[in-house]
Amino acid sequence: MFSLLVNIPANAKWAQNGVTIAGGNGGGGATNQLNDPYGLFVDDDQAVVIADTYNHRIMQWKNGDTTNGQVVAGGTGQGNGLHQLQYPTDVLIDKETDSLIICDYGNGRVVRWSRRSGTTKGEILIDPRSMIPDSGTDRKRGYFPGFP
């Protein structure tokens, strides 16, 4: 279970104007642009990780660098290969494995992508297309690699 306690003082003053920390240069595919971003996650170092849905990639903006983001998953074109994403809609970080957990909506799967430098592909965690009809019955059986 995950819980987050935020202690906001009663006399806190909020800024009247927002600050752009990622994108803001029109929709597009350059590293300073986003194209229909959906989910985001802020890590312990205040880096912002964003599901850049229509660019089929996950982008990261490090704290203090609002000029250009870095592609950290996907970004090699739309597709269903392990090196590709198709309309990712959400992302979170698994601190235990230092990995991104990505909802790859267009492929109907959830993938894990290591945050380690040099990672070029993810691995499938959940793929509902691995359901197999059980012949002669009204049930379906799941096939999940790694499970007996």
C-alpha atoms as a PDB file:
ATOM      1  CA  MET A   1       0.000   0.000   0.000  1.00  0.00           C
ATOM      2  CA  PHE A   2       1.246   3.473  -0.858  1.00  0.00           C
ATOM      3  CA  SER A   3       0.439   6.558   1.142  1.00  0.00           C
ATOM      4  CA  LEU A   4       1.696  10.075   0.873  1.00  0.00           C
ATOM      5  CA  LEU A   5       1.297  12.591   3.633  1.00  0.00           C
ATOM      6  CA  VAL A   6       1.662  16.204   2.651  1.00  0.00           C
ATOM      7  CA  ASN A   7       1.842  18.774   5.399  1.00  0.00           C
ATOM      8  CA  ILE A   8       0.688  22.130   4.011  1.00  0.00           C
ATOM      9  CA  PRO A   9       0.836  24.943   6.579  1.00  0.00           C
ATOM     10  CA  ALA A  10      -2.431  26.787   7.235  1.00  0.00           C
ATOM     11  CA  ASN A  11      -0.811  30.102   6.232  1.00  0.00           C
ATOM     12  CA  ALA A  12       0.624  28.775   2.939  1.00  0.00           C
ATOM     13  CA  LYS A  13       0.509  31.231   0.043  1.00  0.00           C
ATOM     14  CA  TRP A  14       0.042  29.896  -3.474  1.00  0.00           C
ATOM     15  CA  ALA A  15       1.640  31.424  -6.553  1.00  0.00           C
ATOM     16  CA  GLN A  16      -0.828  33.290  -8.729  1.00  0.00           C
ATOM     17  CA  ASN A  17       0.764  32.134 -11.975  1.00  0.00           C
ATOM     18  CA  GLY A  18       1.895  28.692 -13.053  1.00  0.00           C
ATOM     19  CA  VAL A  19       5.341  27.880 -14.377  1.00  0.00           C
ATOM     20  CA  THR A  20       5.930  25.666 -17.399  1.00  0.00           C
ATOM     21  CA  ILE A  21       8.347  22.886 -16.490  1.00  0.00           C
ATOM     22  CA  ALA A  22       7.960  20.628 -19.554  1.00  0.00           C
ATOM     23  CA  GLY A  23       7.006  21.302 -23.153  1.00  0.00           C
ATOM     24  CA  GLY A  24       5.246  24.579 -23.780  1.00  0.00           C
ATOM     25  CA  ASN A  25       6.686  25.012 -27.265  1.00  0.00           C
ATOM     26  CA  GLY A  26       3.629  23.892 -29.193  1.00  0.00           C
ATOM     27  CA  GLY A  27       2.686  20.310 -29.923  1.00  0.00           C
ATOM     28  CA  GLY A  28       5.362  18.298 -31.663  1.00  0.00           C
ATOM     29  CA  GLY A  29       7.995  15.613 -31.458  1.00  0.00           C
ATOM     30  CA  ALA A  30      11.152  17.562 -30.567  1.00  0.00           C
ATOM     31  CA  THR A  31      12.679  17.111 -27.106  1.00  0.00           C
ATOM     32  CA  ASN A  32      11.296  20.487 -26.029  1.00  0.00           C
ATOM     33  CA  GLN A  33       7.740  19.534 -27.070  1.00  0.00           C
ATOM     34  CA  LEU A  34       4.950  17.177 -26.071  1.00  0.00           C
ATOM     35  CA  ASN A  35       2.066  15.870 -28.161  1.00  0.00           C
ATOM     36  CA  ASP A  36      -1.034  15.166 -26.073  1.00  0.00           C
ATOM     37  CA  PRO A  37       0.622  14.274 -22.750  1.00  0.00           C
ATOM     38  CA  TYR A  38      -1.499  12.190 -20.383  1.00  0.00           C
ATOM     39  CA  GLY A  39      -0.064  10.762 -17.146  1.00  0.00           C
ATOM     40  CA  LEU A  40       2.922  12.017 -15.213  1.00  0.00           C
ATOM     41  CA  PHE A  41       4.986  11.050 -12.192  1.00  0.00           C
ATOM     42  CA  VAL A  42       7.377  13.109 -10.083  1.00  0.00           C
ATOM     43  CA  ASP A  43      10.306  11.123  -8.646  1.00  0.00           C
ATOM     44  CA  ASP A  44      12.238  11.708  -5.422  1.00  0.00           C
ATOM     45  CA  ASP A  45      14.703  13.988  -7.247  1.00  0.00           C
ATOM     46  CA  GLN A  46      11.792  16.111  -8.541  1.00  0.00           C
ATOM     47  CA  ALA A  47      12.294  14.899 -12.112  1.00  0.00           C
ATOM     48  CA  VAL A  48       9.001  14.866 -14.012  1.00  0.00           C
ATOM     49  CA  VAL A  49       8.301  11.764 -16.113  1.00  0.00           C
ATOM     50  CA  ILE A  50       5.483  12.176 -18.674  1.00  0.00           C
ATOM     51  CA  ALA A  51       3.568   9.788 -20.925  1.00  0.00           C
ATOM     52  CA  ASP A  52       3.841  11.674 -24.239  1.00  0.00           C
ATOM     53  CA  THR A  53       0.940   9.802 -25.789  1.00  0.00           C
ATOM     54  CA  TYR A  54       0.885  10.828 -29.445  1.00  0.00           C
ATOM     55  CA  ASN A  55       4.676  10.721 -29.725  1.00  0.00           C
ATOM     56  CA  HIS A  56       4.606   7.118 -28.424  1.00  0.00           C
ATOM     57  CA  ARG A  57       7.294   7.794 -25.841  1.00  0.00           C
ATOM     58  CA  ILE A  58       8.010   8.552 -22.201  1.00  0.00           C
ATOM     59  CA  MET A  59       9.826  11.832 -21.553  1.00  0.00           C
ATOM     60  CA  GLN A  60      11.731  12.992 -18.486  1.00  0.00           C
ATOM     61  CA  TRP A  61      12.536  16.536 -17.420  1.00  0.00           C
ATOM     62  CA  LYS A  62      15.127  16.819 -14.674  1.00  0.00           C
ATOM     63  CA  ASN A  63      14.609  19.332 -11.900  1.00  0.00           C
ATOM     64  CA  GLY A  64      15.813  22.758 -13.025  1.00  0.00           C
ATOM     65  CA  ASP A  65      16.096  21.885 -16.734  1.00  0.00           C
ATOM     66  CA  THR A  66      12.965  23.120 -18.469  1.00  0.00           C
ATOM     67  CA  THR A  67      14.596  23.550 -21.889  1.00  0.00           C
ATOM     68  CA  ASN A  68      14.731  19.984 -23.213  1.00  0.00           C
ATOM     69  CA  GLY A  69      13.489  16.669 -21.969  1.00  0.00           C
ATOM     70  CA  GLN A  70      15.039  13.268 -22.492  1.00  0.00           C
ATOM     71  CA  VAL A  71      13.336  10.277 -24.119  1.00  0.00           C
ATOM     72  CA  VAL A  72      13.535   7.499 -21.506  1.00  0.00           C
ATOM     73  CA  ALA A  73      11.270   4.870 -23.143  1.00  0.00           C
ATOM     74  CA  GLY A  74       9.901   4.354 -26.637  1.00  0.00           C
ATOM     75  CA  GLY A  75      10.470   7.172 -29.078  1.00  0.00           C
ATOM     76  CA  THR A  76      11.348   4.819 -31.938  1.00  0.00           C
ATOM     77  CA  GLY A  77       7.995   5.128 -33.656  1.00  0.00           C
ATOM     78  CA  GLN A  78       4.615   3.649 -32.959  1.00  0.00           C
ATOM     79  CA  GLY A  79       4.502  -0.144 -32.761  1.00  0.00           C
ATOM     80  CA  ASN A  80       4.248  -3.296 -30.689  1.00  0.00           C
ATOM     81  CA  GLY A  81       7.921  -4.289 -30.455  1.00  0.00           C
ATOM     82  CA  LEU A  82       9.535  -4.364 -27.015  1.00  0.00           C
ATOM     83  CA  HIS A  83      11.465  -1.236 -28.049  1.00  0.00           C
ATOM     84  CA  GLN A  84       8.231   0.591 -28.967  1.00  0.00           C
ATOM     85  CA  LEU A  85       5.136   2.019 -27.340  1.00  0.00           C
ATOM     86  CA  GLN A  86       1.763   2.802 -28.847  1.00  0.00           C
ATOM     87  CA  TYR A  87      -0.202   5.596 -27.182  1.00  0.00           C
ATOM     88  CA  PRO A  88       1.208   5.315 -23.642  1.00  0.00           C
ATOM     89  CA  THR A  89      -1.211   6.928 -21.200  1.00  0.00           C
ATOM     90  CA  ASP A  90       0.375   6.625 -17.774  1.00  0.00           C
ATOM     91  CA  VAL A  91       3.710   6.031 -16.092  1.00  0.00           C
ATOM     92  CA  LEU A  92       5.012   5.487 -12.586  1.00  0.00           C
ATOM     93  CA  ILE A  93       8.353   4.586 -11.071  1.00  0.00           C
ATOM     94  CA  ASP A  94       9.065   1.343  -9.224  1.00  0.00           C
ATOM     95  CA  LYS A  95      11.809   2.376  -6.800  1.00  0.00           C
ATOM     96  CA  GLU A  96      12.703  -1.222  -5.888  1.00  0.00           C
ATOM     97  CA  THR A  97      13.727  -2.071  -9.463  1.00  0.00           C
ATOM     98  CA  ASP A  98      14.503   1.504 -10.606  1.00  0.00           C
ATOM     99  CA  SER A  99      12.108   0.973 -13.498  1.00  0.00           C
ATOM    100  CA  LEU A 100       9.293   2.765 -15.245  1.00  0.00           C
ATOM    101  CA  ILE A 101       5.941   0.961 -15.214  1.00  0.00           C
ATOM    102  CA  ILE A 102       4.095   2.093 -18.342  1.00  0.00           C
ATOM    103  CA  CYS A 103       0.470   1.705 -19.381  1.00  0.00           C
ATOM    104  CA  ASP A 104       0.921   1.028 -23.106  1.00  0.00           C
ATOM    105  CA  TYR A 105      -2.705   1.666 -24.064  1.00  0.00           C
ATOM    106  CA  GLY A 106      -2.479   1.085 -27.810  1.00  0.00           C
ATOM    107  CA  ASN A 107      -0.890  -2.326 -27.295  1.00  0.00           C
ATOM    108  CA  GLY A 108      -3.186  -3.244 -24.401  1.00  0.00           C
ATOM    109  CA  ARG A 109      -0.305  -4.063 -22.093  1.00  0.00           C
ATOM    110  CA  VAL A 110       1.699  -2.896 -19.106  1.00  0.00           C
ATOM    111  CA  VAL A 111       5.465  -2.836 -19.580  1.00  0.00           C
ATOM    112  CA  ARG A 112       8.452  -2.353 -17.299  1.00  0.00           C
ATOM    113  CA  TRP A 113      11.352  -0.320 -18.666  1.00  0.00           C
ATOM    114  CA  SER A 114      14.592  -0.030 -16.680  1.00  0.00           C
ATOM    115  CA  ARG A 115      15.808   3.487 -15.951  1.00  0.00           C
ATOM    116  CA  ARG A 116      19.427   2.359 -16.250  1.00  0.00           C
ATOM    117  CA  SER A 117      21.459   4.047 -18.946  1.00  0.00           C
ATOM    118  CA  GLY A 118      21.561   2.175 -22.233  1.00  0.00           C
ATOM    119  CA  THR A 119      18.188   0.459 -21.856  1.00  0.00           C
ATOM    120  CA  THR A 120      16.605   0.155 -25.304  1.00  0.00           C
ATOM    121  CA  LYS A 121      13.569  -2.046 -24.652  1.00  0.00           C
ATOM    122  CA  GLY A 122      11.050  -2.977 -22.032  1.00  0.00           C
ATOM    123  CA  GLU A 123       9.517  -6.212 -20.828  1.00  0.00           C
ATOM    124  CA  ILE A 124       5.831  -7.089 -20.739  1.00  0.00           C
ATOM    125  CA  LEU A 125       4.312  -7.344 -17.258  1.00  0.00           C
ATOM    126  CA  ILE A 126       0.654  -7.691 -18.255  1.00  0.00           C
ATOM    127  CA  ASP A 127      -0.729  -8.568 -21.672  1.00  0.00           C
ATOM    128  CA  PRO A 128      -4.404  -9.512 -21.753  1.00  0.00           C
ATOM    129  CA  ARG A 129      -3.952 -10.900 -25.243  1.00  0.00           C
ATOM    130  CA  SER A 130      -2.295 -13.903 -23.667  1.00  0.00           C
ATOM    131  CA  MET A 131      -5.712 -15.370 -22.821  1.00  0.00           C
ATOM    132  CA  ILE A 132      -6.326 -18.768 -24.401  1.00  0.00           C
ATOM    133  CA  PRO A 133      -9.775 -20.352 -24.910  1.00  0.00           C
ATOM    134  CA  ASP A 134     -10.091 -23.687 -23.098  1.00  0.00           C
ATOM    135  CA  SER A 135     -11.487 -26.019 -25.754  1.00  0.00           C
ATOM    136  CA  GLY A 136     -14.820 -27.635 -24.896  1.00  0.00           C
ATOM    137  CA  THR A 137     -15.599 -25.313 -21.976  1.00  0.00           C
ATOM    138  CA  ASP A 138     -16.913 -21.811 -21.484  1.00  0.00           C
ATOM    139  CA  ARG A 139     -13.753 -20.559 -19.835  1.00  0.00           C
ATOM    140  CA  LYS A 140     -10.545 -18.882 -20.841  1.00  0.00           C
ATOM    141  CA  ARG A 141      -7.163 -19.607 -19.360  1.00  0.00           C
ATOM    142  CA  GLY A 142      -4.394 -17.095 -18.963  1.00  0.00           C
ATOM    143  CA  TYR A 143      -0.835 -17.708 -19.985  1.00  0.00           C
ATOM    144  CA  PHE A 144       1.637 -15.717 -17.967  1.00  0.00           C
ATOM    145  CA  PRO A 145       5.331 -16.371 -18.652  1.00  0.00           C
ATOM    146  CA  GLY A 146       7.222 -17.341 -15.524  1.00  0.00           C
ATOM    147  CA  PHE A 147       4.220 -18.855 -13.758  1.00  0.00           C
ATOM    148  CA  PRO A 148       3.534 -22.613 -13.642  1.00  0.00           C
END
